[in-house]
């Protein structure tokens, strides 16, 4: 589970660094990228929860 938390921390750091330093000039593209990145983050949270529940079942 520790590796999952490290990967999640890297994803969060990437999201923050994108929003601080690497934003797209076009506001529309920036919004699309933020929505897609947030979707990946929430999907990874769901994956971690599923893996934890699977581990707890054993």
N, C-alpha and C. Protein backbone atom coordinates (compact mmCIF):
# COMPACT_ATOMS: atom_id res chain seq x y z
N UNK A 1 0.82 -1.19 0.00
CA UNK A 1 0.00 0.00 0.00
C UNK A 1 0.87 1.26 0.00
N UNK A 2 2.09 1.12 0.51
CA UNK A 2 2.98 2.27 0.58
C UNK A 2 3.34 2.80 -0.81
N UNK A 3 3.53 1.88 -1.75
CA UNK A 3 3.87 2.30 -3.12
C UNK A 3 2.71 3.08 -3.75
N UNK A 4 1.48 2.68 -3.43
CA UNK A 4 0.31 3.38 -3.96
C UNK A 4 0.25 4.82 -3.44
N UNK A 5 0.59 5.00 -2.17
CA UNK A 5 0.58 6.34 -1.61
C UNK A 5 1.68 7.22 -2.20
N UNK A 6 2.83 6.62 -2.50
CA UNK A 6 3.90 7.38 -3.12
C UNK A 6 3.52 7.81 -4.54
N UNK A 7 2.90 6.90 -5.28
CA UNK A 7 2.45 7.24 -6.64
C UNK A 7 1.40 8.35 -6.57
N UNK A 8 0.48 8.25 -5.60
CA UNK A 8 -0.55 9.27 -5.44
C UNK A 8 0.08 10.62 -5.09
N UNK A 9 1.09 10.61 -4.24
CA UNK A 9 1.78 11.85 -3.88
C UNK A 9 2.45 12.49 -5.10
N UNK A 10 3.03 11.67 -5.97
CA UNK A 10 3.64 12.18 -7.19
C UNK A 10 2.58 12.77 -8.11
N UNK A 11 1.42 12.11 -8.22
CA UNK A 11 0.34 12.63 -9.04
C UNK A 11 -0.17 13.97 -8.50
N UNK A 12 -0.32 14.08 -7.19
CA UNK A 12 -0.76 15.34 -6.58
C UNK A 12 0.28 16.43 -6.82
N UNK A 13 1.56 16.10 -6.66
CA UNK A 13 2.62 17.09 -6.89
C UNK A 13 2.62 17.55 -8.36
N UNK A 14 2.37 16.62 -9.26
CA UNK A 14 2.28 16.98 -10.68
C UNK A 14 1.10 17.89 -10.96
N UNK A 15 -0.01 17.64 -10.32
CA UNK A 15 -1.21 18.47 -10.49
C UNK A 15 -0.95 19.88 -9.97
N UNK A 16 -0.34 19.97 -8.81
CA UNK A 16 -0.06 21.29 -8.23
C UNK A 16 0.97 22.05 -9.08
N UNK A 17 2.02 21.35 -9.50
CA UNK A 17 3.04 22.03 -10.30
C UNK A 17 2.50 22.46 -11.65
N UNK A 18 1.61 21.67 -12.24
CA UNK A 18 0.99 22.09 -13.50
C UNK A 18 0.20 23.38 -13.30
N UNK A 19 -0.60 23.42 -12.24
CA UNK A 19 -1.44 24.59 -12.02
C UNK A 19 -0.65 25.82 -11.61
N UNK A 20 0.52 25.64 -11.04
CA UNK A 20 1.32 26.79 -10.65
C UNK A 20 2.24 27.29 -11.77
N UNK A 21 2.83 26.37 -12.54
CA UNK A 21 3.88 26.76 -13.47
C UNK A 21 3.59 26.49 -14.94
N UNK A 22 2.85 25.47 -15.27
CA UNK A 22 2.75 25.01 -16.65
C UNK A 22 1.37 25.20 -17.28
N UNK A 23 0.60 26.16 -16.82
CA UNK A 23 -0.75 26.32 -17.34
C UNK A 23 -0.74 26.68 -18.82
N UNK A 24 -1.74 26.19 -19.50
CA UNK A 24 -1.92 26.49 -20.92
C UNK A 24 -2.38 27.93 -21.07
N UNK A 25 -2.01 28.56 -22.18
CA UNK A 25 -2.41 29.95 -22.42
C UNK A 25 -3.92 30.06 -22.63
N UNK A 26 -4.49 29.08 -23.32
CA UNK A 26 -5.92 29.08 -23.58
C UNK A 26 -6.66 28.56 -22.35
N UNK A 27 -7.59 29.33 -21.85
CA UNK A 27 -8.33 28.95 -20.65
C UNK A 27 -9.17 27.69 -20.86
N UNK A 28 -9.65 27.51 -22.08
CA UNK A 28 -10.47 26.34 -22.38
C UNK A 28 -9.64 25.06 -22.30
N UNK A 29 -8.46 25.08 -22.90
CA UNK A 29 -7.57 23.91 -22.85
C UNK A 29 -7.12 23.63 -21.42
N UNK A 30 -6.86 24.69 -20.69
CA UNK A 30 -6.44 24.54 -19.30
C UNK A 30 -7.53 23.85 -18.48
N UNK A 31 -8.77 24.23 -18.69
CA UNK A 31 -9.89 23.60 -17.99
C UNK A 31 -10.02 22.13 -18.36
N UNK A 32 -9.86 21.81 -19.62
CA UNK A 32 -9.96 20.42 -20.07
C UNK A 32 -8.85 19.58 -19.44
N UNK A 33 -7.63 20.11 -19.42
CA UNK A 33 -6.50 19.39 -18.82
C UNK A 33 -6.73 19.19 -17.33
N UNK A 34 -7.23 20.22 -16.63
CA UNK A 34 -7.49 20.09 -15.20
C UNK A 34 -8.57 19.05 -14.93
N UNK A 35 -9.62 19.02 -15.73
CA UNK A 35 -10.68 18.03 -15.54
C UNK A 35 -10.15 16.63 -15.77
N UNK A 36 -9.37 16.43 -16.83
CA UNK A 36 -8.81 15.11 -17.11
C UNK A 36 -7.85 14.66 -16.01
N UNK A 37 -7.01 15.57 -15.54
CA UNK A 37 -6.05 15.23 -14.48
C UNK A 37 -6.79 14.89 -13.19
N UNK A 38 -7.82 15.67 -12.87
CA UNK A 38 -8.60 15.40 -11.66
C UNK A 38 -9.33 14.06 -11.78
N UNK A 39 -9.78 13.72 -12.98
CA UNK A 39 -10.42 12.42 -13.18
C UNK A 39 -9.45 11.27 -12.95
N UNK A 40 -8.23 11.45 -13.40
CA UNK A 40 -7.20 10.43 -13.16
C UNK A 40 -6.94 10.30 -11.66
N UNK A 41 -6.87 11.43 -10.96
CA UNK A 41 -6.63 11.39 -9.51
C UNK A 41 -7.77 10.67 -8.78
N UNK A 42 -9.01 10.99 -9.12
CA UNK A 42 -10.14 10.32 -8.47
C UNK A 42 -10.20 8.84 -8.83
N UNK A 43 -9.85 8.51 -10.06
CA UNK A 43 -9.79 7.11 -10.46
C UNK A 43 -8.74 6.35 -9.67
N UNK A 44 -7.60 6.99 -9.43
CA UNK A 44 -6.55 6.33 -8.65
C UNK A 44 -6.96 6.17 -7.19
N UNK A 45 -7.70 7.14 -6.66
CA UNK A 45 -8.24 7.00 -5.30
C UNK A 45 -9.17 5.80 -5.23
N UNK A 46 -10.02 5.64 -6.25
CA UNK A 46 -10.94 4.49 -6.29
C UNK A 46 -10.15 3.19 -6.37
N UNK A 47 -9.10 3.17 -7.17
CA UNK A 47 -8.27 1.97 -7.27
C UNK A 47 -7.62 1.63 -5.93
N UNK A 48 -7.11 2.66 -5.23
CA UNK A 48 -6.50 2.40 -3.93
C UNK A 48 -7.52 1.87 -2.93
N UNK A 49 -8.74 2.41 -2.96
CA UNK A 49 -9.78 1.93 -2.05
C UNK A 49 -10.14 0.48 -2.37
N UNK A 50 -10.24 0.16 -3.66
CA UNK A 50 -10.54 -1.22 -4.06
C UNK A 50 -9.43 -2.17 -3.61
N UNK A 51 -8.19 -1.76 -3.78
CA UNK A 51 -7.06 -2.61 -3.37
C UNK A 51 -7.05 -2.80 -1.85
N UNK A 52 -7.38 -1.75 -1.11
CA UNK A 52 -7.42 -1.86 0.35
C UNK A 52 -8.54 -2.79 0.80
N UNK A 53 -9.71 -2.67 0.19
CA UNK A 53 -10.82 -3.55 0.55
C UNK A 53 -10.50 -5.01 0.20
N UNK A 54 -9.84 -5.20 -0.91
CA UNK A 54 -9.44 -6.55 -1.31
C UNK A 54 -8.45 -7.15 -0.32
N UNK A 55 -7.52 -6.31 0.17
CA UNK A 55 -6.55 -6.75 1.16
C UNK A 55 -7.21 -7.06 2.50
N UNK A 56 -8.18 -6.25 2.88
CA UNK A 56 -8.87 -6.45 4.15
C UNK A 56 -9.73 -7.71 4.14
N UNK A 57 -10.20 -8.11 2.95
CA UNK A 57 -11.03 -9.30 2.82
C UNK A 57 -10.24 -10.56 3.13
N UNK A 58 -8.94 -10.55 2.82
CA UNK A 58 -8.10 -11.73 3.06
C UNK A 58 -7.88 -11.93 4.49
